[in-house]
Amino acid sequence: MGQLKEVYITDTNLRLDNNIVKGGVLPNKISELSRTVTVVGETIIEGPLYANQLTIEGAPFEVKGAVFTQRELYINNDVNGDVIFRKAVGSASSVVTRGMKCNSTFCSDINSKSITLCNAFVTGSLYGDDIILENCVVIGGVFATQSLSIKDCIVGTFISPYVELDGNVNLLLPSVFSVERVEYTPSAKLYSLALADLGSLYRHLEEAEESGKIEINLALDDLHTTLTDSERQRSLHSYSVIGKVLAADLIDTDKFQNHFLLTAAALGSQLLKTYDLGLDSDGKPALLTTERLRSFFFDILHGRIKVKDLDGSFSVEQFARTM
């Protein structure tokens, strides 16, 4: 990181290049509500940011406070470097990043009418009308009110009226939901990592024998459910591995440390200290930092870390003893 120059916010249209902004970028008068912010080089904003439009043309870039744009938050396709948002991001219109060379990290939720993300790591959840994800990791849920498209991603769970899947999609939870039947390409595969031994994988240790990923068959594992209350009725398609883990009570999932790992990922920017999962294969603490968690989940997504398939066999006698 170079020597950054402190800049004072006075202009209606702000251009940041090799700058550090103390106290954030907030409007002080009506004319500044239409302010556009363009980042062309290394920049750190230490507080919140409000802009009519935020365009990121260069990296590294970091905002330590919350971000809201009235029109658009846009990261150019040719940005090469790290772009980090430490707090929640919102937009009345759209949040867009499509560059494969840009390592964008969102350390909280994103809420926008339209969300398009590529090569992004989100520790929170996504809330929008139309959401498109490609080569992304979302620790929380993806909640779209109109349509959702996912290609080669890891997500916690999702729910949307209309869903399209392509490539390998991995879930951190057992179930997902859609109003209409999920549309998918012939190459699409859906897996649940709910019973994968993520803790051992994170520490570069051998996975527990009774752990592994479970494939969800998009053609067969479709449960059509109707939910009703005193006033209305709603039908949903549920895709779940719950029916395939009858023997899950035999597995001590606490020792996988999945819950602790995912909670640390989701709360990373809010934790007062950095936690670890114990010692890794080299005898060093496996620290749960945002940067290491991002690298870990993308290694799983890209196949550099292999998650074994769950062995579906179990002992009937052992199961009977638990009843």
C-alpha atoms as a PDB file:
ATOM      1  CA  MET A   1       0.000   0.000   0.000  1.00  0.00           C
ATOM      2  CA  GLY A   2       1.322   3.420  -0.986  1.00  0.00           C
ATOM      3  CA  GLN A   3       1.230   6.703   0.913  1.00  0.00           C
ATOM      4  CA  LEU A   4      -2.379   7.915   0.788  1.00  0.00           C
ATOM      5  CA  LYS A   5      -3.276  11.605   0.760  1.00  0.00           C
ATOM      6  CA  GLU A   6      -6.080  12.829   3.011  1.00  0.00           C
ATOM      7  CA  VAL A   7      -8.877  14.498   1.098  1.00  0.00           C
ATOM      8  CA  TYR A   8     -11.659  16.767   2.340  1.00  0.00           C
ATOM      9  CA  ILE A   9     -15.098  16.356   0.809  1.00  0.00           C
ATOM     10  CA  THR A  10     -16.245  19.594  -0.807  1.00  0.00           C
ATOM     11  CA  ASP A  11     -17.115  18.792  -4.432  1.00  0.00           C
ATOM     12  CA  THR A  12     -20.471  17.680  -5.801  1.00  0.00           C
ATOM     13  CA  ASN A  13     -18.699  15.188  -8.059  1.00  0.00           C
ATOM     14  CA  LEU A  14     -15.879  13.398  -6.257  1.00  0.00           C
ATOM     15  CA  ARG A  15     -12.920  11.648  -7.916  1.00  0.00           C
ATOM     16  CA  LEU A  16     -10.701   9.590  -5.623  1.00  0.00           C
ATOM     17  CA  ASP A  17      -7.197   8.457  -6.537  1.00  0.00           C
ATOM     18  CA  ASN A  18      -4.588   7.507  -3.932  1.00  0.00           C
ATOM     19  CA  ASN A  19      -6.708   9.087  -1.188  1.00  0.00           C
ATOM     20  CA  ILE A  20      -7.837   8.390   2.369  1.00  0.00           C
ATOM     21  CA  VAL A  21     -11.152   9.899   3.468  1.00  0.00           C
ATOM     22  CA  LYS A  22     -11.601  10.549   7.180  1.00  0.00           C
ATOM     23  CA  GLY A  23     -15.141  10.480   8.554  1.00  0.00           C
ATOM     24  CA  GLY A  24     -16.869   9.206   5.429  1.00  0.00           C
ATOM     25  CA  VAL A  25     -18.660  10.737   2.454  1.00  0.00           C
ATOM     26  CA  LEU A  26     -22.068  12.104   3.472  1.00  0.00           C
ATOM     27  CA  PRO A  27     -24.168  14.969   2.062  1.00  0.00           C
ATOM     28  CA  ASN A  28     -24.255  18.215   4.050  1.00  0.00           C
ATOM     29  CA  LYS A  29     -26.668  20.079   1.772  1.00  0.00           C
ATOM     30  CA  ILE A  30     -29.354  19.312  -0.794  1.00  0.00           C
ATOM     31  CA  SER A  31     -27.072  19.776  -3.815  1.00  0.00           C
ATOM     32  CA  GLU A  32     -24.791  17.005  -2.509  1.00  0.00           C
ATOM     33  CA  LEU A  33     -27.593  14.428  -2.679  1.00  0.00           C
ATOM     34  CA  SER A  34     -26.788  14.097  -6.388  1.00  0.00           C
ATOM     35  CA  ARG A  35     -23.058  13.586  -5.782  1.00  0.00           C
ATOM     36  CA  THR A  36     -21.297  10.969  -7.916  1.00  0.00           C
ATOM     37  CA  VAL A  37     -18.212   9.243  -6.558  1.00  0.00           C
ATOM     38  CA  THR A  38     -15.639   7.729  -8.905  1.00  0.00           C
ATOM     39  CA  VAL A  39     -12.727   5.686  -7.570  1.00  0.00           C
ATOM     40  CA  VAL A  40      -9.834   5.514 -10.035  1.00  0.00           C
ATOM     41  CA  GLY A  41      -6.978   4.403  -7.764  1.00  0.00           C
ATOM     42  CA  GLU A  42      -6.086   3.111  -4.314  1.00  0.00           C
ATOM     43  CA  THR A  43      -8.554   4.568  -1.802  1.00  0.00           C
ATOM     44  CA  ILE A  44      -9.761   4.026   1.765  1.00  0.00           C
ATOM     45  CA  ILE A  45     -12.955   5.583   3.121  1.00  0.00           C
ATOM     46  CA  GLU A  46     -12.938   5.265   6.907  1.00  0.00           C
ATOM     47  CA  GLY A  47     -16.633   6.021   7.470  1.00  0.00           C
ATOM     48  CA  PRO A  48     -19.965   5.584   5.664  1.00  0.00           C
ATOM     49  CA  LEU A  49     -20.580   6.556   2.062  1.00  0.00           C
ATOM     50  CA  TYR A  50     -23.692   8.012   0.424  1.00  0.00           C
ATOM     51  CA  ALA A  51     -23.702   8.780  -3.290  1.00  0.00           C
ATOM     52  CA  ASN A  52     -26.129   9.129  -6.133  1.00  0.00           C
ATOM     53  CA  GLN A  53     -23.791   6.819  -8.049  1.00  0.00           C
ATOM     54  CA  LEU A  54     -20.595   5.029  -7.039  1.00  0.00           C
ATOM     55  CA  THR A  55     -18.299   3.807  -9.819  1.00  0.00           C
ATOM     56  CA  ILE A  56     -15.128   1.867  -9.055  1.00  0.00           C
ATOM     57  CA  GLU A  57     -12.528   1.972 -11.826  1.00  0.00           C
ATOM     58  CA  GLY A  58      -9.430   1.064  -9.816  1.00  0.00           C
ATOM     59  CA  ALA A  59      -8.313  -0.980  -6.814  1.00  0.00           C
ATOM     60  CA  PRO A  60      -7.519  -1.579  -4.020  1.00  0.00           C
ATOM     61  CA  PHE A  61     -10.567   0.136  -2.526  1.00  0.00           C
ATOM     62  CA  GLU A  62     -12.049  -0.202   0.965  1.00  0.00           C
ATOM     63  CA  VAL A  63     -15.059   1.337   2.708  1.00  0.00           C
ATOM     64  CA  LYS A  64     -15.177   0.784   6.473  1.00  0.00           C
ATOM     65  CA  GLY A  65     -18.707   2.144   6.951  1.00  0.00           C
ATOM     66  CA  ALA A  66     -22.092   1.391   5.433  1.00  0.00           C
ATOM     67  CA  VAL A  67     -22.711   2.241   1.758  1.00  0.00           C
ATOM     68  CA  PHE A  68     -25.880   3.466   0.031  1.00  0.00           C
ATOM     69  CA  THR A  69     -26.359   4.648  -3.550  1.00  0.00           C
ATOM     70  CA  GLN A  70     -29.500   6.133  -5.029  1.00  0.00           C
ATOM     71  CA  ARG A  71     -28.807   4.914  -8.559  1.00  0.00           C
ATOM     72  CA  GLU A  72     -26.022   2.366  -8.918  1.00  0.00           C
ATOM     73  CA  LEU A  73     -22.958   0.834  -7.332  1.00  0.00           C
ATOM     74  CA  TYR A  74     -20.861  -0.359 -10.273  1.00  0.00           C
ATOM     75  CA  ILE A  75     -17.446  -2.036 -10.374  1.00  0.00           C
ATOM     76  CA  ASN A  76     -15.874  -1.888 -13.840  1.00  0.00           C
ATOM     77  CA  ASN A  77     -15.149  -5.188 -15.573  1.00  0.00           C
ATOM     78  CA  ASP A  78     -11.419  -4.411 -15.918  1.00  0.00           C
ATOM     79  CA  VAL A  79     -10.774  -3.679 -12.226  1.00  0.00           C
ATOM     80  CA  ASN A  80      -7.897  -5.854 -10.990  1.00  0.00           C
ATOM     81  CA  GLY A  81      -7.465  -6.026  -7.200  1.00  0.00           C
ATOM     82  CA  ASP A  82      -9.325  -6.123  -3.898  1.00  0.00           C
ATOM     83  CA  VAL A  83     -12.545  -4.205  -3.287  1.00  0.00           C
ATOM     84  CA  ILE A  84     -13.841  -4.524   0.291  1.00  0.00           C
ATOM     85  CA  PHE A  85     -17.049  -3.255   1.888  1.00  0.00           C
ATOM     86  CA  ARG A  86     -16.823  -3.752   5.668  1.00  0.00           C
ATOM     87  CA  LYS A  87     -20.471  -2.962   6.481  1.00  0.00           C
ATOM     88  CA  ALA A  88     -23.899  -3.272   4.819  1.00  0.00           C
ATOM     89  CA  VAL A  89     -24.368  -2.180   1.199  1.00  0.00           C
ATOM     90  CA  GLY A  90     -27.655  -0.880  -0.203  1.00  0.00           C
ATOM     91  CA  SER A  91     -28.901   0.679  -3.415  1.00  0.00           C
ATOM     92  CA  ALA A  92     -32.273   1.916  -4.609  1.00  0.00           C
ATOM     93  CA  SER A  93     -31.415   0.639  -8.093  1.00  0.00           C
ATOM     94  CA  SER A  94     -28.548  -1.827  -8.617  1.00  0.00           C
ATOM     95  CA  VAL A  95     -25.302  -3.329  -7.337  1.00  0.00           C
ATOM     96  CA  VAL A  96     -23.160  -4.692 -10.182  1.00  0.00           C
ATOM     97  CA  THR A  97     -19.731  -6.323 -10.413  1.00  0.00           C
ATOM     98  CA  ARG A  98     -18.835  -8.630 -13.315  1.00  0.00           C
ATOM     99  CA  GLY A  99     -15.017  -8.522 -13.375  1.00  0.00           C
ATOM    100  CA  MET A 100     -13.335 -11.904 -12.865  1.00  0.00           C
ATOM    101  CA  LYS A 101     -10.058 -10.227 -11.807  1.00  0.00           C
ATOM    102  CA  CYS A 102     -11.727  -8.150  -9.099  1.00  0.00           C
ATOM    103  CA  ASN A 103     -11.830  -9.818  -5.677  1.00  0.00           C
ATOM    104  CA  SER A 104     -14.886  -8.090  -4.247  1.00  0.00           C
ATOM    105  CA  THR A 105     -15.727  -8.821  -0.607  1.00  0.00           C
ATOM    106  CA  PHE A 106     -18.936  -7.755   1.141  1.00  0.00           C
ATOM    107  CA  CYS A 107     -18.683  -8.248   4.923  1.00  0.00           C
ATOM    108  CA  SER A 108     -22.418  -7.841   5.550  1.00  0.00           C
ATOM    109  CA  ASP A 109     -25.774  -7.865   3.714  1.00  0.00           C
ATOM    110  CA  ILE A 110     -26.530  -6.438   0.267  1.00  0.00           C
ATOM    111  CA  ASN A 111     -29.989  -4.981  -0.338  1.00  0.00           C
ATOM    112  CA  SER A 112     -30.867  -3.660  -3.791  1.00  0.00           C
ATOM    113  CA  LYS A 113     -33.566  -3.822  -6.450  1.00  0.00           C
ATOM    114  CA  SER A 114     -31.139  -5.571  -8.807  1.00  0.00           C
ATOM    115  CA  ILE A 115     -27.966  -7.462  -7.814  1.00  0.00           C
ATOM    116  CA  THR A 116     -25.398  -8.869 -10.260  1.00  0.00           C
ATOM    117  CA  LEU A 117     -22.246 -10.344  -8.746  1.00  0.00           C
ATOM    118  CA  CYS A 118     -19.262 -12.175 -10.201  1.00  0.00           C
ATOM    119  CA  ASN A 119     -16.285 -13.464  -8.207  1.00  0.00           C
ATOM    120  CA  ALA A 120     -17.742 -11.968  -5.008  1.00  0.00           C
ATOM    121  CA  PHE A 121     -17.538 -13.173  -1.404  1.00  0.00           C
ATOM    122  CA  VAL A 122     -20.535 -12.164   0.737  1.00  0.00           C
ATOM    123  CA  THR A 123     -20.550 -12.984   4.447  1.00  0.00           C
ATOM    124  CA  GLY A 124     -24.165 -11.832   4.888  1.00  0.00           C
ATOM    125  CA  SER A 125     -27.315 -12.332   2.799  1.00  0.00           C
ATOM    126  CA  LEU A 126     -28.651 -10.898  -0.463  1.00  0.00           C
ATOM    127  CA  TYR A 127     -32.062  -9.232  -0.724  1.00  0.00           C
ATOM    128  CA  GLY A 128     -33.359  -8.047  -4.096  1.00  0.00           C
ATOM    129  CA  ASP A 129     -35.946  -8.353  -6.844  1.00  0.00           C
ATOM    130  CA  ASP A 130     -33.660  -9.837  -9.519  1.00  0.00           C
ATOM    131  CA  ILE A 131     -30.364 -11.492  -8.538  1.00  0.00           C
ATOM    132  CA  ILE A 132     -27.658 -12.957 -10.799  1.00  0.00           C
ATOM    133  CA  LEU A 133     -24.675 -14.803  -9.293  1.00  0.00           C
ATOM    134  CA  GLU A 134     -21.665 -16.319 -11.046  1.00  0.00           C
ATOM    135  CA  ASN A 135     -18.574 -17.746  -9.360  1.00  0.00           C
ATOM    136  CA  CYS A 136     -19.633 -16.360  -5.964  1.00  0.00           C
ATOM    137  CA  VAL A 137     -19.720 -17.438  -2.318  1.00  0.00           C
ATOM    138  CA  VAL A 138     -22.625 -16.243  -0.148  1.00  0.00           C
ATOM    139  CA  ILE A 139     -22.477 -17.457   3.449  1.00  0.00           C
ATOM    140  CA  GLY A 140     -26.044 -16.312   4.203  1.00  0.00           C
ATOM    141  CA  GLY A 141     -29.208 -16.695   2.170  1.00  0.00           C
ATOM    142  CA  VAL A 142     -30.172 -15.395  -1.275  1.00  0.00           C
ATOM    143  CA  PHE A 143     -33.694 -13.967  -1.244  1.00  0.00           C
ATOM    144  CA  ALA A 144     -35.113 -12.760  -4.580  1.00  0.00           C
ATOM    145  CA  THR A 145     -38.696 -11.548  -4.956  1.00  0.00           C
ATOM    146  CA  GLN A 146     -38.829 -12.072  -8.757  1.00  0.00           C
ATOM    147  CA  SER A 147     -35.981 -14.093 -10.295  1.00  0.00           C
ATOM    148  CA  LEU A 148     -32.687 -15.741  -9.375  1.00  0.00           C
ATOM    149  CA  SER A 149     -29.887 -17.081 -11.571  1.00  0.00           C
ATOM    150  CA  ILE A 150     -26.966 -19.005 -10.047  1.00  0.00           C
ATOM    151  CA  LYS A 151     -23.936 -20.427 -11.862  1.00  0.00           C
ATOM    152  CA  ASP A 152     -20.975 -22.130 -10.148  1.00  0.00           C
ATOM    153  CA  CYS A 153     -21.552 -20.789  -6.629  1.00  0.00           C
ATOM    154  CA  ILE A 154     -21.648 -21.663  -2.949  1.00  0.00           C
ATOM    155  CA  VAL A 155     -24.663 -20.202  -1.111  1.00  0.00           C
ATOM    156  CA  GLY A 156     -26.249 -20.782   2.285  1.00  0.00           C
ATOM    157  CA  THR A 157     -29.767 -21.262   0.924  1.00  0.00           C
ATOM    158  CA  PHE A 158     -32.123 -19.496  -1.490  1.00  0.00           C
ATOM    159  CA  ILE A 159     -35.781 -18.769  -2.130  1.00  0.00           C
ATOM    160  CA  SER A 160     -37.283 -17.108  -5.197  1.00  0.00           C
ATOM    161  CA  PRO A 161     -40.372 -17.401  -7.406  1.00  0.00           C
ATOM    162  CA  TYR A 162     -38.216 -18.295 -10.432  1.00  0.00           C
ATOM    163  CA  VAL A 163     -34.770 -19.971 -10.256  1.00  0.00           C
ATOM    164  CA  GLU A 164     -32.212 -20.929 -12.918  1.00  0.00           C
ATOM    165  CA  LEU A 165     -29.199 -23.104 -12.049  1.00  0.00           C
ATOM    166  CA  ASP A 166     -26.069 -23.832 -14.088  1.00  0.00           C
ATOM    167  CA  GLY A 167     -22.761 -25.507 -13.262  1.00  0.00           C
ATOM    168  CA  ASN A 168     -21.919 -26.732  -9.766  1.00  0.00           C
ATOM    169  CA  VAL A 169     -24.005 -25.107  -7.020  1.00  0.00           C
ATOM    170  CA  ASN A 170     -23.200 -25.967  -3.400  1.00  0.00           C
ATOM    171  CA  LEU A 171     -25.443 -25.270  -0.400  1.00  0.00           C
ATOM    172  CA  LEU A 172     -24.322 -24.743   3.182  1.00  0.00           C
ATOM    173  CA  LEU A 173     -27.797 -25.680   4.464  1.00  0.00           C
ATOM    174  CA  PRO A 174     -29.944 -28.741   3.640  1.00  0.00           C
ATOM    175  CA  SER A 175     -32.836 -27.089   1.729  1.00  0.00           C
ATOM    176  CA  VAL A 176     -33.757 -24.466  -0.864  1.00  0.00           C
ATOM    177  CA  PHE A 177     -37.125 -23.216  -2.107  1.00  0.00           C
ATOM    178  CA  SER A 178     -38.775 -21.839  -5.236  1.00  0.00           C
ATOM    179  CA  VAL A 179     -42.349 -21.033  -6.243  1.00  0.00           C
ATOM    180  CA  GLU A 180     -41.990 -22.497  -9.731  1.00  0.00           C
ATOM    181  CA  ARG A 181     -40.029 -25.656 -10.472  1.00  0.00           C
ATOM    182  CA  VAL A 182     -36.303 -24.885 -10.726  1.00  0.00           C
ATOM    183  CA  GLU A 183     -34.999 -24.566 -14.281  1.00  0.00           C
ATOM    184  CA  TYR A 184     -31.545 -26.081 -14.816  1.00  0.00           C
ATOM    185  CA  THR A 185     -29.103 -26.889 -17.603  1.00  0.00           C
ATOM    186  CA  PRO A 186     -28.010 -30.487 -18.342  1.00  0.00           C
ATOM    187  CA  SER A 187     -24.649 -29.780 -16.680  1.00  0.00           C
ATOM    188  CA  ALA A 188     -26.144 -28.340 -13.475  1.00  0.00           C
ATOM    189  CA  LYS A 189     -25.376 -30.146 -10.200  1.00  0.00           C
ATOM    190  CA  LEU A 190     -26.765 -29.204  -6.779  1.00  0.00           C
ATOM    191  CA  TYR A 191     -24.986 -30.368  -3.610  1.00  0.00           C
ATOM    192  CA  SER A 192     -25.495 -29.787   0.105  1.00  0.00           C
ATOM    193  CA  LEU A 193     -22.414 -29.305   2.294  1.00  0.00           C
ATOM    194  CA  ALA A 194     -24.511 -29.408   5.482  1.00  0.00           C
ATOM    195  CA  LEU A 195     -22.808 -32.649   6.584  1.00  0.00           C
ATOM    196  CA  ALA A 196     -19.363 -31.925   5.128  1.00  0.00           C
ATOM    197  CA  ASP A 197     -16.509 -31.691   7.631  1.00  0.00           C
ATOM    198  CA  LEU A 198     -15.615 -28.074   6.844  1.00  0.00           C
ATOM    199  CA  GLY A 199     -13.658 -27.692  10.084  1.00  0.00           C
ATOM    200  CA  SER A 200     -11.160 -30.416   9.173  1.00  0.00           C
ATOM    201  CA  LEU A 201     -10.900 -29.190   5.589  1.00  0.00           C
ATOM    202  CA  TYR A 202     -10.170 -25.662   6.828  1.00  0.00           C
ATOM    203  CA  ARG A 203      -7.327 -27.033   8.993  1.00  0.00           C
ATOM    204  CA  HIS A 204      -6.028 -29.218   6.126  1.00  0.00           C
ATOM    205  CA  LEU A 205      -6.804 -32.385   8.088  1.00  0.00           C
ATOM    206  CA  GLU A 206      -8.478 -35.615   6.997  1.00  0.00           C
ATOM    207  CA  GLU A 207     -12.275 -35.421   6.901  1.00  0.00           C
ATOM    208  CA  ALA A 208     -14.362 -37.362   9.410  1.00  0.00           C
ATOM    209  CA  GLU A 209     -15.399 -40.769   8.066  1.00  0.00           C
ATOM    210  CA  GLU A 210     -19.148 -40.052   8.473  1.00  0.00           C
ATOM    211  CA  SER A 211     -19.019 -36.651   6.733  1.00  0.00           C
ATOM    212  CA  GLY A 212     -19.367 -35.560   3.132  1.00  0.00           C
ATOM    213  CA  LYS A 213     -21.402 -33.681   0.562  1.00  0.00           C
ATOM    214  CA  ILE A 214     -24.808 -34.902  -0.609  1.00  0.00           C
ATOM    215  CA  GLU A 215     -26.158 -34.464  -4.130  1.00  0.00           C
ATOM    216  CA  ILE A 216     -29.690 -33.137  -4.512  1.00  0.00           C
ATOM    217  CA  ASN A 217     -31.378 -34.641  -7.545  1.00  0.00           C
ATOM    218  CA  LEU A 218     -33.226 -31.745  -9.149  1.00  0.00           C
ATOM    219  CA  ALA A 219     -35.566 -34.108 -10.952  1.00  0.00           C
ATOM    220  CA  LEU A 220     -36.414 -36.451  -8.065  1.00  0.00           C
ATOM    221  CA  ASP A 221     -35.827 -34.511  -4.832  1.00  0.00           C
ATOM    222  CA  ASP A 222     -38.592 -31.992  -5.531  1.00  0.00           C
ATOM    223  CA  LEU A 223     -41.191 -31.778  -2.784  1.00  0.00           C
ATOM    224  CA  HIS A 224     -44.246 -29.702  -3.654  1.00  0.00           C
ATOM    225  CA  THR A 225     -45.626 -28.145  -0.479  1.00  0.00           C
ATOM    226  CA  THR A 226     -48.677 -25.972   0.120  1.00  0.00           C
ATOM    227  CA  LEU A 227     -48.554 -23.540   3.038  1.00  0.00           C
ATOM    228  CA  THR A 228     -51.784 -22.067   4.359  1.00  0.00           C
ATOM    229  CA  ASP A 229     -52.974 -19.737   7.073  1.00  0.00           C
ATOM    230  CA  SER A 230     -56.333 -18.196   7.896  1.00  0.00           C
ATOM    231  CA  GLU A 231     -56.122 -15.715   5.006  1.00  0.00           C
ATOM    232  CA  ARG A 232     -54.023 -17.086   2.173  1.00  0.00           C
ATOM    233  CA  GLN A 233     -52.379 -20.117   0.603  1.00  0.00           C
ATOM    234  CA  ARG A 234     -48.973 -20.474  -1.047  1.00  0.00           C
ATOM    235  CA  SER A 235     -47.322 -23.360  -2.887  1.00  0.00           C
ATOM    236  CA  LEU A 236     -43.570 -23.949  -2.908  1.00  0.00           C
ATOM    237  CA  HIS A 237     -41.128 -26.408  -4.428  1.00  0.00           C
ATOM    238  CA  SER A 238     -38.616 -27.577  -1.839  1.00  0.00           C
ATOM    239  CA  TYR A 239     -35.339 -29.246  -2.814  1.00  0.00           C
ATOM    240  CA  SER A 240     -33.787 -30.882   0.211  1.00  0.00           C
ATOM    241  CA  VAL A 241     -31.494 -33.638   1.466  1.00  0.00           C
ATOM    242  CA  ILE A 242     -33.502 -34.092   4.665  1.00  0.00           C
ATOM    243  CA  GLY A 243     -34.995 -37.356   3.380  1.00  0.00           C
ATOM    244  CA  LYS A 244     -31.511 -38.702   2.630  1.00  0.00           C
ATOM    245  CA  VAL A 245     -30.059 -38.213   6.096  1.00  0.00           C
ATOM    246  CA  LEU A 246     -32.242 -40.569   8.112  1.00  0.00           C
ATOM    247  CA  ALA A 247     -29.130 -41.630  10.013  1.00  0.00           C
ATOM    248  CA  ALA A 248     -27.954 -38.070  10.658  1.00  0.00           C
ATOM    249  CA  ASP A 249     -28.736 -38.490  14.366  1.00  0.00           C
ATOM    250  CA  LEU A 250     -25.850 -40.947  14.448  1.00  0.00           C
ATOM    251  CA  ILE A 251     -23.420 -38.233  13.369  1.00  0.00           C
ATOM    252  CA  ASP A 252     -21.923 -35.814  15.885  1.00  0.00           C
ATOM    253  CA  THR A 253     -22.048 -32.730  13.632  1.00  0.00           C
ATOM    254  CA  ASP A 254     -20.706 -30.487  16.405  1.00  0.00           C
ATOM    255  CA  LYS A 255     -17.236 -31.928  15.937  1.00  0.00           C
ATOM    256  CA  PHE A 256     -17.295 -30.767  12.302  1.00  0.00           C
ATOM    257  CA  GLN A 257     -17.177 -27.161  13.673  1.00  0.00           C
ATOM    258  CA  ASN A 258     -19.289 -26.025  10.707  1.00  0.00           C
ATOM    259  CA  HIS A 259     -21.578 -23.818  12.794  1.00  0.00           C
ATOM    260  CA  PHE A 260     -18.643 -22.070  14.469  1.00  0.00           C
ATOM    261  CA  LEU A 261     -16.834 -21.564  11.156  1.00  0.00           C
ATOM    262  CA  LEU A 262     -19.895 -20.158   9.367  1.00  0.00           C
ATOM    263  CA  THR A 263     -20.814 -17.912  12.296  1.00  0.00           C
ATOM    264  CA  ALA A 264     -17.283 -16.503  12.380  1.00  0.00           C
ATOM    265  CA  ALA A 265     -17.515 -15.874   8.626  1.00  0.00           C
ATOM    266  CA  ALA A 266     -20.861 -14.084   8.955  1.00  0.00           C
ATOM    267  CA  LEU A 267     -19.817 -11.967  11.955  1.00  0.00           C
ATOM    268  CA  GLY A 268     -16.201 -11.366  10.975  1.00  0.00           C
ATOM    269  CA  SER A 269     -16.324  -7.555  10.848  1.00  0.00           C
ATOM    270  CA  GLN A 270     -18.342  -7.381  14.080  1.00  0.00           C
ATOM    271  CA  LEU A 271     -16.204  -9.669  16.256  1.00  0.00           C
ATOM    272  CA  LEU A 272     -13.914  -8.031  18.818  1.00  0.00           C
ATOM    273  CA  LYS A 273     -11.203 -10.665  18.363  1.00  0.00           C
ATOM    274  CA  THR A 274     -10.011 -13.153  15.756  1.00  0.00           C
ATOM    275  CA  TYR A 275     -10.978 -16.734  16.602  1.00  0.00           C
ATOM    276  CA  ASP A 276      -9.422 -19.956  15.372  1.00  0.00           C
ATOM    277  CA  LEU A 277     -10.465 -23.593  14.894  1.00  0.00           C
ATOM    278  CA  GLY A 278      -7.443 -24.994  16.687  1.00  0.00           C
ATOM    279  CA  LEU A 279      -4.186 -26.139  15.125  1.00  0.00           C
ATOM    280  CA  ASP A 280      -3.876 -26.981  11.452  1.00  0.00           C
ATOM    281  CA  SER A 281      -1.777 -29.720   9.863  1.00  0.00           C
ATOM    282  CA  ASP A 282       1.367 -27.587  10.306  1.00  0.00           C
ATOM    283  CA  GLY A 283       0.745 -27.031  14.007  1.00  0.00           C
ATOM    284  CA  LYS A 284      -0.275 -23.380  13.524  1.00  0.00           C
ATOM    285  CA  PRO A 285      -3.576 -21.767  14.634  1.00  0.00           C
ATOM    286  CA  ALA A 286      -6.232 -21.916  11.894  1.00  0.00           C
ATOM    287  CA  LEU A 287      -7.326 -18.276  12.204  1.00  0.00           C
ATOM    288  CA  LEU A 288     -10.841 -17.384  11.049  1.00  0.00           C
ATOM    289  CA  THR A 289     -10.111 -14.188   9.152  1.00  0.00           C
ATOM    290  CA  THR A 290     -12.245 -12.894   6.285  1.00  0.00           C
ATOM    291  CA  GLU A 291      -9.334 -13.233   3.870  1.00  0.00           C
ATOM    292  CA  ARG A 292      -8.615 -16.865   4.812  1.00  0.00           C
ATOM    293  CA  LEU A 293     -12.303 -17.774   4.780  1.00  0.00           C
ATOM    294  CA  ARG A 294     -12.693 -16.256   1.323  1.00  0.00           C
ATOM    295  CA  SER A 295      -9.715 -18.260   0.046  1.00  0.00           C
ATOM    296  CA  PHE A 296     -11.030 -21.455   1.684  1.00  0.00           C
ATOM    297  CA  PHE A 297     -14.508 -21.335   0.171  1.00  0.00           C
ATOM    298  CA  PHE A 298     -13.229 -20.399  -3.279  1.00  0.00           C
ATOM    299  CA  ASP A 299     -10.789 -23.315  -3.088  1.00  0.00           C
ATOM    300  CA  ILE A 300     -13.808 -25.595  -2.505  1.00  0.00           C
ATOM    301  CA  LEU A 301     -15.748 -23.899  -5.303  1.00  0.00           C
ATOM    302  CA  HIS A 302     -12.900 -24.308  -7.799  1.00  0.00           C
ATOM    303  CA  GLY A 303     -12.050 -27.869  -6.753  1.00  0.00           C
ATOM    304  CA  ARG A 304      -8.663 -27.103  -5.201  1.00  0.00           C
ATOM    305  CA  ILE A 305     -10.093 -28.513  -1.947  1.00  0.00           C
ATOM    306  CA  LYS A 306     -12.023 -31.721  -2.565  1.00  0.00           C
ATOM    307  CA  VAL A 307     -15.071 -32.577  -0.428  1.00  0.00           C
ATOM    308  CA  LYS A 308     -15.758 -36.293  -0.390  1.00  0.00           C
ATOM    309  CA  ASP A 309     -19.218 -37.746  -0.952  1.00  0.00           C
ATOM    310  CA  LEU A 310     -21.167 -38.867   2.108  1.00  0.00           C
ATOM    311  CA  ASP A 311     -21.298 -42.629   2.552  1.00  0.00           C
ATOM    312  CA  GLY A 312     -24.998 -43.493   2.669  1.00  0.00           C
ATOM    313  CA  SER A 313     -24.579 -46.769   4.545  1.00  0.00           C
ATOM    314  CA  PHE A 314     -25.149 -47.157   8.292  1.00  0.00           C
ATOM    315  CA  SER A 315     -25.721 -49.831  10.887  1.00  0.00           C
ATOM    316  CA  VAL A 316     -29.372 -50.649  11.610  1.00  0.00           C
ATOM    317  CA  GLU A 317     -28.368 -51.978  15.032  1.00  0.00           C
ATOM    318  CA  GLN A 318     -26.637 -48.732  15.912  1.00  0.00           C
ATOM    319  CA  PHE A 319     -29.634 -46.735  14.697  1.00  0.00           C
ATOM    320  CA  ALA A 320     -32.003 -48.865  16.799  1.00  0.00           C
ATOM    321  CA  ARG A 321     -29.954 -48.144  19.923  1.00  0.00           C
ATOM    322  CA  THR A 322     -30.541 -44.418  19.463  1.00  0.00           C
ATOM    323  CA  MET A 323     -34.339 -44.793  19.309  1.00  0.00           C
END
